[in-house]
Amino acid sequence: MSQKTVEHIIGRLATDEEIRLRFRKDAVATVRAAVSEPEALTSVEQEALASIDPDVLDRLADAIDPRLQRVRIPAARGDGRRR
């Protein structure tokens, strides 16, 4: 196991709203996508990360200073307005 990789993924989940939204929809795919090298984590480690309760991640994110958060900016629609 790479503790650095685990910490990196948990940090991204805690500070990036868009990743938390993707994690809530498909935790396994989000964790796999966050691993930079396929061999960085075992399948057991990936499953353990994917089993984190998304509500816990949301509470953790709420406790982190907003200046450290990456905020999701909605994409513009075809008419230039935000969705």
C-alpha atoms as a PDB file:
ATOM      1  CA  MET A   1       0.000   0.000   0.000  1.00  0.00           C
ATOM      2  CA  SER A   2       1.093   3.507  -0.683  1.00  0.00           C
ATOM      3  CA  GLN A   3       0.041   5.612   2.279  1.00  0.00           C
ATOM      4  CA  LYS A   4       0.784   8.684   0.188  1.00  0.00           C
ATOM      5  CA  THR A   5      -1.723   7.545  -2.467  1.00  0.00           C
ATOM      6  CA  VAL A   6      -4.394   6.840   0.159  1.00  0.00           C
ATOM      7  CA  GLU A   7      -3.860  10.256   1.722  1.00  0.00           C
ATOM      8  CA  HIS A   8      -3.961  11.929  -1.693  1.00  0.00           C
ATOM      9  CA  ILE A   9      -7.294  10.331  -2.590  1.00  0.00           C
ATOM     10  CA  ILE A  10      -8.872  11.094   0.782  1.00  0.00           C
ATOM     11  CA  GLY A  11      -7.599  14.664   0.518  1.00  0.00           C
ATOM     12  CA  ARG A  12      -9.160  15.086  -2.906  1.00  0.00           C
ATOM     13  CA  LEU A  13     -12.435  13.616  -1.660  1.00  0.00           C
ATOM     14  CA  ALA A  14     -12.402  16.044   1.253  1.00  0.00           C
ATOM     15  CA  THR A  15     -11.561  19.189  -0.728  1.00  0.00           C
ATOM     16  CA  ASP A  16     -13.049  18.736  -4.202  1.00  0.00           C
ATOM     17  CA  GLU A  17     -16.814  19.019  -4.470  1.00  0.00           C
ATOM     18  CA  GLU A  18     -16.943  17.661  -8.016  1.00  0.00           C
ATOM     19  CA  ILE A  19     -15.055  14.512  -7.032  1.00  0.00           C
ATOM     20  CA  ARG A  20     -17.402  14.016  -4.054  1.00  0.00           C
ATOM     21  CA  LEU A  21     -20.379  14.260  -6.402  1.00  0.00           C
ATOM     22  CA  ARG A  22     -18.820  11.649  -8.720  1.00  0.00           C
ATOM     23  CA  PHE A  23     -17.932   9.478  -5.709  1.00  0.00           C
ATOM     24  CA  ARG A  24     -21.550   9.573  -4.523  1.00  0.00           C
ATOM     25  CA  LYS A  25     -22.716   8.348  -7.960  1.00  0.00           C
ATOM     26  CA  ASP A  26     -20.010   5.690  -8.487  1.00  0.00           C
ATOM     27  CA  ALA A  27     -17.467   5.326  -5.696  1.00  0.00           C
ATOM     28  CA  VAL A  28     -15.524   2.460  -7.286  1.00  0.00           C
ATOM     29  CA  ALA A  29     -15.015   4.244 -10.616  1.00  0.00           C
ATOM     30  CA  THR A  30     -14.085   7.497  -8.865  1.00  0.00           C
ATOM     31  CA  VAL A  31     -11.437   5.801  -6.726  1.00  0.00           C
ATOM     32  CA  ARG A  32     -10.023   3.964  -9.744  1.00  0.00           C
ATOM     33  CA  ALA A  33      -9.842   7.219 -11.700  1.00  0.00           C
ATOM     34  CA  ALA A  34      -8.061   8.941  -8.802  1.00  0.00           C
ATOM     35  CA  VAL A  35      -5.279   6.349  -8.715  1.00  0.00           C
ATOM     36  CA  SER A  36      -2.471   7.687 -10.885  1.00  0.00           C
ATOM     37  CA  GLU A  37      -0.789   4.304 -11.341  1.00  0.00           C
ATOM     38  CA  PRO A  38      -2.836   1.090 -11.530  1.00  0.00           C
ATOM     39  CA  GLU A  39      -0.411  -0.713  -9.198  1.00  0.00           C
ATOM     40  CA  ALA A  40      -0.474   2.091  -6.602  1.00  0.00           C
ATOM     41  CA  LEU A  41      -3.252   0.423  -4.586  1.00  0.00           C
ATOM     42  CA  THR A  42      -4.438  -3.147  -4.325  1.00  0.00           C
ATOM     43  CA  SER A  43      -8.034  -4.003  -5.159  1.00  0.00           C
ATOM     44  CA  VAL A  44      -8.694  -4.425  -1.414  1.00  0.00           C
ATOM     45  CA  GLU A  45      -7.402  -0.907  -0.756  1.00  0.00           C
ATOM     46  CA  GLN A  46      -9.489   0.499  -3.598  1.00  0.00           C
ATOM     47  CA  GLU A  47     -12.566  -1.255  -2.194  1.00  0.00           C
ATOM     48  CA  ALA A  48     -11.819   0.132   1.281  1.00  0.00           C
ATOM     49  CA  LEU A  49     -11.640   3.676  -0.084  1.00  0.00           C
ATOM     50  CA  ALA A  50     -14.800   3.169  -2.128  1.00  0.00           C
ATOM     51  CA  SER A  51     -16.621   2.032   1.012  1.00  0.00           C
ATOM     52  CA  ILE A  52     -16.229   5.418   2.716  1.00  0.00           C
ATOM     53  CA  ASP A  53     -19.652   6.847   3.543  1.00  0.00           C
ATOM     54  CA  PRO A  54     -20.252   9.856   1.237  1.00  0.00           C
ATOM     55  CA  ASP A  55     -22.109  11.640   4.037  1.00  0.00           C
ATOM     56  CA  VAL A  56     -18.983  11.419   6.194  1.00  0.00           C
ATOM     57  CA  LEU A  57     -16.977  12.992   3.371  1.00  0.00           C
ATOM     58  CA  ASP A  58     -19.522  15.812   3.128  1.00  0.00           C
ATOM     59  CA  ARG A  59     -19.268  16.448   6.881  1.00  0.00           C
ATOM     60  CA  LEU A  60     -15.472  16.431   6.657  1.00  0.00           C
ATOM     61  CA  ALA A  61     -15.589  18.890   3.755  1.00  0.00           C
ATOM     62  CA  ASP A  62     -17.890  21.165   5.769  1.00  0.00           C
ATOM     63  CA  ALA A  63     -15.322  21.198   8.590  1.00  0.00           C
ATOM     64  CA  ILE A  64     -12.462  22.263   6.302  1.00  0.00           C
ATOM     65  CA  ASP A  65     -11.834  25.959   5.786  1.00  0.00           C
ATOM     66  CA  PRO A  66     -13.569  27.010   2.535  1.00  0.00           C
ATOM     67  CA  ARG A  67     -10.349  28.595   1.308  1.00  0.00           C
ATOM     68  CA  LEU A  68      -8.951  25.074   0.969  1.00  0.00           C
ATOM     69  CA  GLN A  69     -11.933  23.774  -0.990  1.00  0.00           C
ATOM     70  CA  ARG A  70     -12.170  23.387  -4.718  1.00  0.00           C
ATOM     71  CA  VAL A  71     -15.661  24.569  -5.636  1.00  0.00           C
ATOM     72  CA  ARG A  72     -17.629  23.131  -8.531  1.00  0.00           C
ATOM     73  CA  ILE A  73     -18.541  25.759 -11.092  1.00  0.00           C
ATOM     74  CA  PRO A  74     -21.528  24.726 -13.205  1.00  0.00           C
ATOM     75  CA  ALA A  75     -20.910  24.512 -16.937  1.00  0.00           C
ATOM     76  CA  ALA A  76     -22.447  27.147 -19.140  1.00  0.00           C
ATOM     77  CA  ARG A  77     -25.432  26.254 -21.296  1.00  0.00           C
ATOM     78  CA  GLY A  78     -25.515  26.815 -25.034  1.00  0.00           C
ATOM     79  CA  ASP A  79     -26.935  30.322 -24.505  1.00  0.00           C
ATOM     80  CA  GLY A  80     -23.988  31.308 -22.275  1.00  0.00           C
ATOM     81  CA  ARG A  81     -25.960  31.182 -19.024  1.00  0.00           C
ATOM     82  CA  ARG A  82     -25.054  28.926 -16.119  1.00  0.00           C
ATOM     83  CA  ARG A  83     -27.089  25.803 -15.535  1.00  0.00           C
END
